[in-house]
Amino acid sequence: MSLKWTDVLEIAIQLAESKPDVDPMSVNFVDLRKWVMELPDFDDKPEHSGEKILEAIQAHWIEERD
């Protein structure tokens, strides 16, 4: 399965698993975008990301940690 920017929940789960020591509330969008694109299953165009998508990923990541 390849991940797209719209797979915000699955991306958040993978980030929570791959970056257990990172506080998602302190992540800036530049790093978040880079980390998403580095996920092994991620396959989408960088220009398809936007602030709303990054906010949604971050919100789901925060929920995953709780």
PDB file of N, CA and C in Angstrom:
ATOM      1  N   MET A   1       0.841  -1.190   0.000  1.00  0.00           N
ATOM      2  CA  MET A   1       0.000   0.000   0.000  1.00  0.00           C
ATOM      3  C   MET A   1       0.876   1.240   0.000  1.00  0.00           C
ATOM      4  N   SER A   2       0.627   2.130  -0.923  1.00  0.00           N
ATOM      5  CA  SER A   2       1.392   3.375  -0.917  1.00  0.00           C
ATOM      6  C   SER A   2       0.554   4.475  -0.268  1.00  0.00           C
ATOM      7  N   LEU A   3       1.229   5.294   0.507  1.00  0.00           N
ATOM      8  CA  LEU A   3       0.557   6.379   1.225  1.00  0.00           C
ATOM      9  C   LEU A   3       0.521   7.642   0.381  1.00  0.00           C
ATOM     10  N   LYS A   4      -0.604   8.324   0.450  1.00  0.00           N
ATOM     11  CA  LYS A   4      -0.762   9.634  -0.178  1.00  0.00           C
ATOM     12  C   LYS A   4      -0.983  10.656   0.932  1.00  0.00           C
ATOM     13  N   TRP A   5      -0.869  11.926   0.604  1.00  0.00           N
ATOM     14  CA  TRP A   5      -1.060  12.985   1.601  1.00  0.00           C
ATOM     15  C   TRP A   5      -2.420  12.876   2.284  1.00  0.00           C
ATOM     16  N   THR A   6      -3.413  12.368   1.570  1.00  0.00           N
ATOM     17  CA  THR A   6      -4.753  12.290   2.141  1.00  0.00           C
ATOM     18  C   THR A   6      -4.907  11.173   3.169  1.00  0.00           C
ATOM     19  N   ASP A   7      -3.937  10.287   3.276  1.00  0.00           N
ATOM     20  CA  ASP A   7      -3.982   9.190   4.260  1.00  0.00           C
ATOM     21  C   ASP A   7      -3.472   9.677   5.613  1.00  0.00           C
ATOM     22  N   VAL A   8      -4.103  10.739   6.115  1.00  0.00           N
ATOM     23  CA  VAL A   8      -3.566  11.426   7.296  1.00  0.00           C
ATOM     24  C   VAL A   8      -3.496  10.537   8.535  1.00  0.00           C
ATOM     25  N   LEU A   9      -4.485   9.680   8.742  1.00  0.00           N
ATOM     26  CA  LEU A   9      -4.469   8.827   9.933  1.00  0.00           C
ATOM     27  C   LEU A   9      -3.343   7.801   9.863  1.00  0.00           C
ATOM     28  N   GLU A  10      -3.218   7.120   8.740  1.00  0.00           N
ATOM     29  CA  GLU A  10      -2.151   6.113   8.597  1.00  0.00           C
ATOM     30  C   GLU A  10      -0.777   6.764   8.679  1.00  0.00           C
ATOM     31  N   ILE A  11      -0.622   7.940   8.097  1.00  0.00           N
ATOM     32  CA  ILE A  11       0.650   8.668   8.198  1.00  0.00           C
ATOM     33  C   ILE A  11       0.953   8.976   9.657  1.00  0.00           C
ATOM     34  N   ALA A  12      -0.058   9.436  10.387  1.00  0.00           N
ATOM     35  CA  ALA A  12       0.135   9.766  11.806  1.00  0.00           C
ATOM     36  C   ALA A  12       0.546   8.534  12.607  1.00  0.00           C
ATOM     37  N   ILE A  13      -0.076   7.401  12.330  1.00  0.00           N
ATOM     38  CA  ILE A  13       0.270   6.158  13.023  1.00  0.00           C
ATOM     39  C   ILE A  13       1.721   5.782  12.743  1.00  0.00           C
ATOM     40  N   GLN A  14       2.120   5.870  11.490  1.00  0.00           N
ATOM     41  CA  GLN A  14       3.498   5.518  11.139  1.00  0.00           C
ATOM     42  C   GLN A  14       4.505   6.490  11.755  1.00  0.00           C
ATOM     43  N   LEU A  15       4.161   7.762  11.815  1.00  0.00           N
ATOM     44  CA  LEU A  15       5.053   8.728  12.453  1.00  0.00           C
ATOM     45  C   LEU A  15       5.168   8.450  13.950  1.00  0.00           C
ATOM     46  N   ALA A  16       4.046   8.122  14.585  1.00  0.00           N
ATOM     47  CA  ALA A  16       4.065   7.813  16.020  1.00  0.00           C
ATOM     48  C   ALA A  16       4.952   6.599  16.292  1.00  0.00           C
ATOM     49  N   GLU A  17       4.907   5.619  15.399  1.00  0.00           N
ATOM     50  CA  GLU A  17       5.715   4.412  15.569  1.00  0.00           C
ATOM     51  C   GLU A  17       7.188   4.664  15.254  1.00  0.00           C
ATOM     52  N   SER A  18       7.456   5.469  14.242  1.00  0.00           N
ATOM     53  CA  SER A  18       8.843   5.672  13.816  1.00  0.00           C
ATOM     54  C   SER A  18       9.568   6.770  14.594  1.00  0.00           C
ATOM     55  N   LYS A  19       8.813   7.635  15.264  1.00  0.00           N
ATOM     56  CA  LYS A  19       9.418   8.742  16.014  1.00  0.00           C
ATOM     57  C   LYS A  19       8.822   8.787  17.425  1.00  0.00           C
ATOM     58  N   PRO A  20       9.045   7.725  18.215  1.00  0.00           N
ATOM     59  CA  PRO A  20       8.397   7.654  19.539  1.00  0.00           C
ATOM     60  C   PRO A  20       8.874   8.721  20.522  1.00  0.00           C
ATOM     61  N   ASP A  21      10.051   9.276  20.299  1.00  0.00           N
ATOM     62  CA  ASP A  21      10.594  10.270  21.230  1.00  0.00           C
ATOM     63  C   ASP A  21      10.252  11.703  20.841  1.00  0.00           C
ATOM     64  N   VAL A  22       9.515  11.878  19.760  1.00  0.00           N
ATOM     65  CA  VAL A  22       9.177  13.226  19.281  1.00  0.00           C
ATOM     66  C   VAL A  22       7.813  13.630  19.833  1.00  0.00           C
ATOM     67  N   ASP A  23       7.735  14.838  20.365  1.00  0.00           N
ATOM     68  CA  ASP A  23       6.458  15.398  20.808  1.00  0.00           C
ATOM     69  C   ASP A  23       5.791  16.048  19.592  1.00  0.00           C
ATOM     70  N   PRO A  24       4.685  15.479  19.101  1.00  0.00           N
ATOM     71  CA  PRO A  24       4.070  16.020  17.888  1.00  0.00           C
ATOM     72  C   PRO A  24       3.592  17.463  18.044  1.00  0.00           C
ATOM     73  N   MET A  25       3.367  17.896  19.277  1.00  0.00           N
ATOM     74  CA  MET A  25       2.927  19.281  19.477  1.00  0.00           C
ATOM     75  C   MET A  25       4.056  20.276  19.229  1.00  0.00           C
ATOM     76  N   SER A  26       5.296  19.796  19.268  1.00  0.00           N
ATOM     77  CA  SER A  26       6.431  20.708  19.092  1.00  0.00           C
ATOM     78  C   SER A  26       7.039  20.647  17.687  1.00  0.00           C
ATOM     79  N   VAL A  27       6.436  19.851  16.802  1.00  0.00           N
ATOM     80  CA  VAL A  27       6.990  19.673  15.458  1.00  0.00           C
ATOM     81  C   VAL A  27       6.577  20.826  14.554  1.00  0.00           C
ATOM     82  N   ASN A  28       7.555  21.378  13.842  1.00  0.00           N
ATOM     83  CA  ASN A  28       7.201  22.404  12.857  1.00  0.00           C
ATOM     84  C   ASN A  28       6.834  21.722  11.534  1.00  0.00           C
ATOM     85  N   PHE A  29       6.115  22.437  10.690  1.00  0.00           N
ATOM     86  CA  PHE A  29       5.601  21.830   9.470  1.00  0.00           C
ATOM     87  C   PHE A  29       6.696  21.482   8.469  1.00  0.00           C
ATOM     88  N   VAL A  30       7.820  22.182   8.516  1.00  0.00           N
ATOM     89  CA  VAL A  30       8.937  21.854   7.614  1.00  0.00           C
ATOM     90  C   VAL A  30       9.444  20.448   7.926  1.00  0.00           C
ATOM     91  N   ASP A  31       9.682  20.168   9.224  1.00  0.00           N
ATOM     92  CA  ASP A  31      10.148  18.837   9.622  1.00  0.00           C
ATOM     93  C   ASP A  31       9.074  17.787   9.379  1.00  0.00           C
ATOM     94  N   LEU A  32       7.833  18.113   9.729  1.00  0.00           N
ATOM     95  CA  LEU A  32       6.742  17.164   9.559  1.00  0.00           C
ATOM     96  C   LEU A  32       6.622  16.732   8.104  1.00  0.00           C
ATOM     97  N   ARG A  33       6.654  17.689   7.207  1.00  0.00           N
ATOM     98  CA  ARG A  33       6.555  17.399   5.767  1.00  0.00           C
ATOM     99  C   ARG A  33       7.698  16.498   5.314  1.00  0.00           C
ATOM    100  N   LYS A  34       8.910  16.804   5.781  1.00  0.00           N
ATOM    101  CA  LYS A  34      10.096  16.013   5.423  1.00  0.00           C
ATOM    102  C   LYS A  34       9.954  14.580   5.941  1.00  0.00           C
ATOM    103  N   TRP A  35       9.531  14.431   7.185  1.00  0.00           N
ATOM    104  CA  TRP A  35       9.400  13.097   7.780  1.00  0.00           C
ATOM    105  C   TRP A  35       8.339  12.271   7.076  1.00  0.00           C
ATOM    106  N   VAL A  36       7.245  12.906   6.682  1.00  0.00           N
ATOM    107  CA  VAL A  36       6.197  12.187   5.946  1.00  0.00           C
ATOM    108  C   VAL A  36       6.777  11.662   4.635  1.00  0.00           C
ATOM    109  N   MET A  37       7.493  12.508   3.926  1.00  0.00           N
ATOM    110  CA  MET A  37       8.051  12.096   2.632  1.00  0.00           C
ATOM    111  C   MET A  37       9.125  11.024   2.784  1.00  0.00           C
ATOM    112  N   GLU A  38       9.715  10.884   3.976  1.00  0.00           N
ATOM    113  CA  GLU A  38      10.730   9.862   4.229  1.00  0.00           C
ATOM    114  C   GLU A  38      10.132   8.516   4.640  1.00  0.00           C
ATOM    115  N   LEU A  39       8.824   8.473   4.918  1.00  0.00           N
ATOM    116  CA  LEU A  39       8.209   7.199   5.292  1.00  0.00           C
ATOM    117  C   LEU A  39       8.346   6.203   4.140  1.00  0.00           C
ATOM    118  N   PRO A  40       8.663   4.931   4.465  1.00  0.00           N
ATOM    119  CA  PRO A  40       8.932   3.947   3.403  1.00  0.00           C
ATOM    120  C   PRO A  40       7.772   3.723   2.440  1.00  0.00           C
ATOM    121  N   ASP A  41       6.533   3.830   2.914  1.00  0.00           N
ATOM    122  CA  ASP A  41       5.374   3.572   2.062  1.00  0.00           C
ATOM    123  C   ASP A  41       4.838   4.824   1.390  1.00  0.00           C
ATOM    124  N   PHE A  42       5.449   5.973   1.663  1.00  0.00           N
ATOM    125  CA  PHE A  42       4.918   7.219   1.132  1.00  0.00           C
ATOM    126  C   PHE A  42       5.267   7.374  -0.345  1.00  0.00           C
ATOM    127  N   ASP A  43       4.241   7.694  -1.132  1.00  0.00           N
ATOM    128  CA  ASP A  43       4.446   7.871  -2.569  1.00  0.00           C
ATOM    129  C   ASP A  43       3.452   8.903  -3.093  1.00  0.00           C
ATOM    130  N   ASP A  44       3.793  10.151  -2.919  1.00  0.00           N
ATOM    131  CA  ASP A  44       2.941  11.220  -3.431  1.00  0.00           C
ATOM    132  C   ASP A  44       3.837  12.408  -3.763  1.00  0.00           C
ATOM    133  N   LYS A  45       3.297  13.347  -4.475  1.00  0.00           N
ATOM    134  CA  LYS A  45       4.080  14.502  -4.899  1.00  0.00           C
ATOM    135  C   LYS A  45       4.182  15.512  -3.756  1.00  0.00           C
ATOM    136  N   PRO A  46       5.389  16.031  -3.515  1.00  0.00           N
ATOM    137  CA  PRO A  46       5.573  17.004  -2.431  1.00  0.00           C
ATOM    138  C   PRO A  46       4.642  18.202  -2.541  1.00  0.00           C
ATOM    139  N   GLU A  47       4.363  18.639  -3.749  1.00  0.00           N
ATOM    140  CA  GLU A  47       3.532  19.829  -3.920  1.00  0.00           C
ATOM    141  C   GLU A  47       2.057  19.585  -3.590  1.00  0.00           C
ATOM    142  N   HIS A  48       1.681  18.344  -3.345  1.00  0.00           N
ATOM    143  CA  HIS A  48       0.296  18.043  -2.972  1.00  0.00           C
ATOM    144  C   HIS A  48       0.027  18.276  -1.491  1.00  0.00           C
ATOM    145  N   SER A  49       1.065  18.572  -0.725  1.00  0.00           N
ATOM    146  CA  SER A  49       0.850  18.832   0.701  1.00  0.00           C
ATOM    147  C   SER A  49       0.540  20.313   0.900  1.00  0.00           C
ATOM    148  N   GLY A  50      -0.206  20.580   1.946  1.00  0.00           N
ATOM    149  CA  GLY A  50      -0.521  21.955   2.299  1.00  0.00           C
ATOM    150  C   GLY A  50      -0.685  22.048   3.798  1.00  0.00           C
ATOM    151  N   GLU A  51      -0.897  23.256   4.264  1.00  0.00           N
ATOM    152  CA  GLU A  51      -1.007  23.483   5.700  1.00  0.00           C
ATOM    153  C   GLU A  51      -2.150  22.688   6.320  1.00  0.00           C
ATOM    154  N   LYS A  52      -3.288  22.613   5.644  1.00  0.00           N
ATOM    155  CA  LYS A  52      -4.446  21.876   6.189  1.00  0.00           C
ATOM    156  C   LYS A  52      -4.121  20.391   6.365  1.00  0.00           C
ATOM    157  N   ILE A  53      -3.467  19.807   5.388  1.00  0.00           N
ATOM    158  CA  ILE A  53      -3.104  18.387   5.478  1.00  0.00           C
ATOM    159  C   ILE A  53      -2.097  18.172   6.603  1.00  0.00           C
ATOM    160  N   LEU A  54      -1.093  19.031   6.688  1.00  0.00           N
ATOM    161  CA  LEU A  54      -0.091  18.894   7.755  1.00  0.00           C
ATOM    162  C   LEU A  54      -0.731  19.073   9.129  1.00  0.00           C
ATOM    163  N   GLU A  55      -1.672  19.992   9.242  1.00  0.00           N
ATOM    164  CA  GLU A  55      -2.391  20.173  10.510  1.00  0.00           C
ATOM    165  C   GLU A  55      -3.167  18.910  10.873  1.00  0.00           C
ATOM    166  N   ALA A  56      -3.805  18.299   9.893  1.00  0.00           N
ATOM    167  CA  ALA A  56      -4.580  17.081  10.138  1.00  0.00           C
ATOM    168  C   ALA A  56      -3.669  15.931  10.569  1.00  0.00           C
ATOM    169  N   ILE A  57      -2.524  15.792   9.909  1.00  0.00           N
ATOM    170  CA  ILE A  57      -1.557  14.753  10.294  1.00  0.00           C
ATOM    171  C   ILE A  57      -1.099  14.986  11.722  1.00  0.00           C
ATOM    172  N   GLN A  58      -0.748  16.218  12.032  1.00  0.00           N
ATOM    173  CA  GLN A  58      -0.273  16.548  13.374  1.00  0.00           C
ATOM    174  C   GLN A  58      -1.358  16.254  14.419  1.00  0.00           C
ATOM    175  N   ALA A  59      -2.600  16.606  14.139  1.00  0.00           N
ATOM    176  CA  ALA A  59      -3.702  16.373  15.080  1.00  0.00           C
ATOM    177  C   ALA A  59      -3.896  14.874  15.332  1.00  0.00           C
ATOM    178  N   HIS A  60      -3.853  14.079  14.274  1.00  0.00           N
ATOM    179  CA  HIS A  60      -3.985  12.627  14.433  1.00  0.00           C
ATOM    180  C   HIS A  60      -2.799  12.043  15.200  1.00  0.00           C
ATOM    181  N   TRP A  61      -1.609  12.562  14.943  1.00  0.00           N
ATOM    182  CA  TRP A  61      -0.411  12.089  15.644  1.00  0.00           C
ATOM    183  C   TRP A  61      -0.554  12.372  17.143  1.00  0.00           C
ATOM    184  N   ILE A  62      -1.044  13.547  17.495  1.00  0.00           N
ATOM    185  CA  ILE A  62      -1.259  13.892  18.901  1.00  0.00           C
ATOM    186  C   ILE A  62      -2.266  12.913  19.519  1.00  0.00           C
ATOM    187  N   GLU A  63      -3.332  12.618  18.794  1.00  0.00           N
ATOM    188  CA  GLU A  63      -4.332  11.647  19.286  1.00  0.00           C
ATOM    189  C   GLU A  63      -3.727  10.258  19.471  1.00  0.00           C
ATOM    190  N   GLU A  64      -2.858   9.865  18.554  1.00  0.00           N
ATOM    191  CA  GLU A  64      -2.221   8.547  18.646  1.00  0.00           C
ATOM    192  C   GLU A  64      -1.368   8.429  19.899  1.00  0.00           C
ATOM    193  N   ARG A  65      -0.776   9.527  20.308  1.00  0.00           N
ATOM    194  CA  ARG A  65       0.094   9.502  21.498  1.00  0.00           C
ATOM    195  C   ARG A  65      -0.714   9.428  22.790  1.00  0.00           C
ATOM    196  N   ASP A  66      -1.935   9.907  22.758  1.00  0.00           N
ATOM    197  CA  ASP A  66      -2.760   9.952  23.982  1.00  0.00           C
ATOM    198  C   ASP A  66      -3.392   8.617  24.318  1.00  0.00           C
TER     199      ASP A  66
END
